[in-house]
Amino acid sequence: MVTSGTVLASGLYAEAKGASITGFCLAVGSAICYTLYNLAGEVALAEVSPLTVMSYTQLISSLGLIAFLFLASLFSAILRDNRPFDIKKKN
């Protein structure tokens, strides 16, 4: 998310002369998520073992990435005016 926000804010892929509001929002959102992650980690480590915290962190991150890949595939197919998951159109 930080990389996406930085690229959009810098205008690397845009012809704009100013900063991108989308990039700025992604950068602020990523900073907030990272802060919440650190705060939740401190609370969790006070109550359970570090191995348990790490295991749950990896599980939740993996599920989030799977959901992101699914949504990215779905939106990519919609934007290309194709059907997602190689479903053939009927003539």
N, C-alpha and C. Protein backbone atom coordinates (compact mmCIF):
# COMPACT_ATOMS: atom_id res chain seq x y z
N MET A 1 0.82 -1.18 0.00
CA MET A 1 0.00 0.00 0.00
C MET A 1 0.87 1.25 0.00
N VAL A 2 1.99 1.19 0.71
CA VAL A 2 2.88 2.35 0.75
C VAL A 2 3.46 2.61 -0.64
N THR A 3 3.86 1.55 -1.32
CA THR A 3 4.43 1.71 -2.66
C THR A 3 3.39 2.28 -3.62
N SER A 4 2.18 1.77 -3.55
CA SER A 4 1.11 2.28 -4.41
C SER A 4 0.86 3.76 -4.15
N GLY A 5 0.81 4.13 -2.89
CA GLY A 5 0.59 5.53 -2.54
C GLY A 5 1.72 6.42 -3.00
N THR A 6 2.95 5.94 -2.87
CA THR A 6 4.11 6.73 -3.29
C THR A 6 4.12 6.92 -4.80
N VAL A 7 3.84 5.84 -5.54
CA VAL A 7 3.83 5.94 -7.01
C VAL A 7 2.73 6.88 -7.47
N LEU A 8 1.54 6.76 -6.90
CA LEU A 8 0.44 7.63 -7.30
C LEU A 8 0.67 9.08 -6.89
N ALA A 9 1.23 9.29 -5.70
CA ALA A 9 1.48 10.65 -5.24
C ALA A 9 2.58 11.34 -6.05
N SER A 10 3.55 10.56 -6.49
CA SER A 10 4.65 11.15 -7.27
C SER A 10 4.24 11.45 -8.70
N GLY A 11 3.16 10.84 -9.16
CA GLY A 11 2.71 11.07 -10.53
C GLY A 11 3.53 10.32 -11.54
N LEU A 12 4.16 9.23 -11.14
CA LEU A 12 5.02 8.45 -12.03
C LEU A 12 4.24 7.95 -13.24
N TYR A 13 3.01 7.51 -13.04
CA TYR A 13 2.20 6.98 -14.14
C TYR A 13 1.18 7.98 -14.66
N ALA A 14 1.23 9.19 -14.20
CA ALA A 14 0.26 10.19 -14.62
C ALA A 14 0.98 11.36 -15.27
N GLU A 15 0.25 12.08 -16.05
CA GLU A 15 0.80 13.26 -16.72
C GLU A 15 0.52 14.52 -15.90
N ALA A 16 0.03 14.36 -14.70
CA ALA A 16 -0.36 15.49 -13.86
C ALA A 16 0.87 16.25 -13.35
N LYS A 17 0.66 17.52 -13.10
CA LYS A 17 1.74 18.36 -12.57
C LYS A 17 1.77 18.36 -11.04
N GLY A 18 0.66 17.96 -10.40
CA GLY A 18 0.59 17.99 -8.94
C GLY A 18 0.52 16.59 -8.36
N ALA A 19 0.29 16.52 -7.07
CA ALA A 19 0.20 15.25 -6.38
C ALA A 19 -1.19 14.65 -6.58
N SER A 20 -1.25 13.35 -6.54
CA SER A 20 -2.50 12.62 -6.70
C SER A 20 -3.20 12.49 -5.36
N ILE A 21 -4.47 12.79 -5.32
CA ILE A 21 -5.24 12.65 -4.08
C ILE A 21 -5.39 11.17 -3.71
N THR A 22 -5.49 10.30 -4.71
CA THR A 22 -5.57 8.86 -4.45
C THR A 22 -4.30 8.37 -3.79
N GLY A 23 -3.17 8.80 -4.31
CA GLY A 23 -1.90 8.41 -3.73
C GLY A 23 -1.73 8.91 -2.31
N PHE A 24 -2.15 10.13 -2.08
CA PHE A 24 -2.07 10.69 -0.74
C PHE A 24 -2.94 9.89 0.22
N CYS A 25 -4.15 9.55 -0.18
CA CYS A 25 -5.05 8.77 0.67
C CYS A 25 -4.49 7.38 0.95
N LEU A 26 -3.88 6.74 -0.07
CA LEU A 26 -3.27 5.44 0.14
C LEU A 26 -2.10 5.52 1.12
N ALA A 27 -1.30 6.57 1.02
CA ALA A 27 -0.17 6.73 1.92
C ALA A 27 -0.64 6.95 3.37
N VAL A 28 -1.65 7.79 3.55
CA VAL A 28 -2.19 8.03 4.90
C VAL A 28 -2.85 6.75 5.44
N GLY A 29 -3.58 6.05 4.57
CA GLY A 29 -4.22 4.80 4.99
C GLY A 29 -3.20 3.75 5.41
N SER A 30 -2.10 3.67 4.68
CA SER A 30 -1.08 2.68 5.04
C SER A 30 -0.40 3.05 6.36
N ALA A 31 -0.21 4.33 6.60
CA ALA A 31 0.38 4.76 7.88
C ALA A 31 -0.55 4.42 9.04
N ILE A 32 -1.83 4.62 8.86
CA ILE A 32 -2.80 4.29 9.91
C ILE A 32 -2.84 2.79 10.16
N CYS A 33 -2.85 2.00 9.07
CA CYS A 33 -2.86 0.54 9.23
C CYS A 33 -1.60 0.04 9.94
N TYR A 34 -0.46 0.61 9.61
CA TYR A 34 0.79 0.19 10.26
C TYR A 34 0.78 0.56 11.74
N THR A 35 0.24 1.71 12.07
CA THR A 35 0.14 2.11 13.47
C THR A 35 -0.78 1.16 14.24
N LEU A 36 -1.92 0.84 13.66
CA LEU A 36 -2.85 -0.08 14.32
C LEU A 36 -2.23 -1.47 14.48
N TYR A 37 -1.46 -1.89 13.47
CA TYR A 37 -0.78 -3.18 13.54
C TYR A 37 0.21 -3.20 14.71
N ASN A 38 0.98 -2.15 14.88
CA ASN A 38 1.94 -2.09 15.98
C ASN A 38 1.25 -2.06 17.34
N LEU A 39 0.17 -1.28 17.45
CA LEU A 39 -0.54 -1.21 18.72
C LEU A 39 -1.19 -2.54 19.07
N ALA A 40 -1.81 -3.19 18.09
CA ALA A 40 -2.43 -4.49 18.34
C ALA A 40 -1.37 -5.53 18.69
N GLY A 41 -0.20 -5.42 18.07
CA GLY A 41 0.88 -6.36 18.38
C GLY A 41 1.37 -6.23 19.80
N GLU A 42 1.47 -5.02 20.29
CA GLU A 42 1.90 -4.81 21.68
C GLU A 42 0.90 -5.40 22.66
N VAL A 43 -0.38 -5.20 22.39
CA VAL A 43 -1.42 -5.75 23.28
C VAL A 43 -1.41 -7.27 23.22
N ALA A 44 -1.30 -7.83 22.01
CA ALA A 44 -1.31 -9.28 21.87
C ALA A 44 -0.09 -9.92 22.52
N LEU A 45 1.07 -9.31 22.38
CA LEU A 45 2.28 -9.88 22.97
C LEU A 45 2.26 -9.85 24.49
N ALA A 46 1.47 -8.97 25.06
CA ALA A 46 1.36 -8.92 26.52
C ALA A 46 0.54 -10.08 27.05
N GLU A 47 -0.27 -10.69 26.20
CA GLU A 47 -1.19 -11.73 26.67
C GLU A 47 -0.84 -13.14 26.19
N VAL A 48 -0.26 -13.28 25.00
CA VAL A 48 0.03 -14.61 24.45
C VAL A 48 1.49 -14.68 23.99
N SER A 49 1.91 -15.88 23.61
CA SER A 49 3.31 -16.07 23.22
C SER A 49 3.60 -15.44 21.85
N PRO A 50 4.84 -15.06 21.62
CA PRO A 50 5.21 -14.46 20.33
C PRO A 50 4.96 -15.41 19.15
N LEU A 51 5.14 -16.70 19.33
CA LEU A 51 4.90 -17.66 18.25
C LEU A 51 3.43 -17.67 17.84
N THR A 52 2.54 -17.58 18.80
CA THR A 52 1.11 -17.54 18.50
C THR A 52 0.75 -16.26 17.77
N VAL A 53 1.29 -15.14 18.21
CA VAL A 53 1.02 -13.86 17.55
C VAL A 53 1.51 -13.89 16.11
N MET A 54 2.73 -14.42 15.90
CA MET A 54 3.28 -14.49 14.56
C MET A 54 2.45 -15.41 13.67
N SER A 55 2.00 -16.54 14.21
CA SER A 55 1.19 -17.47 13.42
C SER A 55 -0.12 -16.83 12.97
N TYR A 56 -0.80 -16.16 13.87
CA TYR A 56 -2.05 -15.49 13.51
C TYR A 56 -1.82 -14.33 12.55
N THR A 57 -0.71 -13.62 12.72
CA THR A 57 -0.39 -12.53 11.80
C THR A 57 -0.18 -13.06 10.40
N GLN A 58 0.56 -14.14 10.27
CA GLN A 58 0.81 -14.73 8.95
C GLN A 58 -0.48 -15.27 8.33
N LEU A 59 -1.32 -15.90 9.13
CA LEU A 59 -2.59 -16.44 8.63
C LEU A 59 -3.49 -15.32 8.11
N ILE A 60 -3.65 -14.28 8.89
CA ILE A 60 -4.51 -13.17 8.48
C ILE A 60 -3.94 -12.45 7.27
N SER A 61 -2.63 -12.29 7.22
CA SER A 61 -1.99 -11.65 6.05
C SER A 61 -2.19 -12.49 4.80
N SER A 62 -2.05 -13.80 4.92
CA SER A 62 -2.25 -14.68 3.77
C SER A 62 -3.68 -14.62 3.26
N LEU A 63 -4.62 -14.62 4.16
CA LEU A 63 -6.02 -14.52 3.74
C LEU A 63 -6.30 -13.18 3.07
N GLY A 64 -5.70 -12.12 3.60
CA GLY A 64 -5.85 -10.81 2.98
C GLY A 64 -5.27 -10.76 1.58
N LEU A 65 -4.11 -11.39 1.38
CA LEU A 65 -3.51 -11.42 0.05
C LEU A 65 -4.33 -12.24 -0.93
N ILE A 66 -4.89 -13.34 -0.47
CA ILE A 66 -5.75 -14.16 -1.34
C ILE A 66 -6.98 -13.35 -1.75
N ALA A 67 -7.58 -12.64 -0.81
CA ALA A 67 -8.73 -11.80 -1.14
C ALA A 67 -8.35 -10.69 -2.11
N PHE A 68 -7.17 -10.08 -1.89
CA PHE A 68 -6.70 -9.03 -2.79
C PHE A 68 -6.49 -9.57 -4.20
N LEU A 69 -5.86 -10.73 -4.32
CA LEU A 69 -5.63 -11.31 -5.65
C LEU A 69 -6.95 -11.65 -6.34
N PHE A 70 -7.91 -12.16 -5.59
CA PHE A 70 -9.23 -12.47 -6.16
C PHE A 70 -9.90 -11.20 -6.67
N LEU A 71 -9.91 -10.15 -5.86
CA LEU A 71 -10.54 -8.90 -6.27
C LEU A 71 -9.80 -8.24 -7.42
N ALA A 72 -8.48 -8.31 -7.41
CA ALA A 72 -7.70 -7.74 -8.51
C ALA A 72 -8.00 -8.46 -9.81
N SER A 73 -8.11 -9.77 -9.76
CA SER A 73 -8.45 -10.55 -10.94
C SER A 73 -9.85 -10.21 -11.44
N LEU A 74 -10.76 -10.07 -10.52
CA LEU A 74 -12.14 -9.76 -10.87
C LEU A 74 -12.24 -8.37 -11.51
N PHE A 75 -11.64 -7.37 -10.88
CA PHE A 75 -11.70 -6.00 -11.42
C PHE A 75 -10.92 -5.88 -12.73
N SER A 76 -9.83 -6.60 -12.85
CA SER A 76 -9.05 -6.56 -14.08
C SER A 76 -9.88 -7.11 -15.24
N ALA A 77 -10.59 -8.18 -15.00
CA ALA A 77 -11.42 -8.77 -16.04
C ALA A 77 -12.58 -7.84 -16.39
N ILE A 78 -13.15 -7.19 -15.41
CA ILE A 78 -14.26 -6.27 -15.67
C ILE A 78 -13.77 -5.07 -16.47
N LEU A 79 -12.60 -4.54 -16.12
CA LEU A 79 -12.08 -3.38 -16.84
C LEU A 79 -11.68 -3.72 -18.27
N ARG A 80 -11.27 -4.96 -18.52
CA ARG A 80 -10.93 -5.38 -19.87
C ARG A 80 -12.17 -5.78 -20.66
N ASP A 81 -13.35 -5.70 -20.04
CA ASP A 81 -14.61 -6.08 -20.63
C ASP A 81 -14.65 -7.57 -20.96
N ASN A 82 -13.98 -8.36 -20.15
CA ASN A 82 -14.04 -9.81 -20.24
C ASN A 82 -14.75 -10.34 -19.01
N ARG A 83 -15.09 -11.59 -19.07
CA ARG A 83 -15.66 -12.21 -17.88
C ARG A 83 -14.53 -12.78 -17.03
N PRO A 84 -14.65 -12.67 -15.71
CA PRO A 84 -13.58 -13.19 -14.86
C PRO A 84 -13.49 -14.70 -14.90
N PHE A 85 -12.33 -15.21 -14.64
CA PHE A 85 -12.07 -16.63 -14.50
C PHE A 85 -12.32 -17.40 -15.80
N ASP A 86 -12.06 -16.77 -16.93
CA ASP A 86 -12.12 -17.41 -18.24
C ASP A 86 -13.48 -18.02 -18.56
N ILE A 87 -14.55 -17.40 -18.15
CA ILE A 87 -15.90 -17.85 -18.51
C ILE A 87 -16.18 -17.29 -19.90
N LYS A 88 -16.49 -18.15 -20.82
CA LYS A 88 -16.69 -17.72 -22.20
C LYS A 88 -18.08 -17.11 -22.37
N LYS A 89 -18.13 -16.04 -23.17
CA LYS A 89 -19.40 -15.39 -23.46
C LYS A 89 -20.18 -16.22 -24.47
N LYS A 90 -21.49 -16.23 -24.30
CA LYS A 90 -22.34 -16.93 -25.27
C LYS A 90 -22.62 -16.00 -26.44
N ASN A 91 -22.63 -16.56 -27.64
CA ASN A 91 -22.91 -15.74 -28.85
C ASN A 91 -24.38 -15.59 -29.07
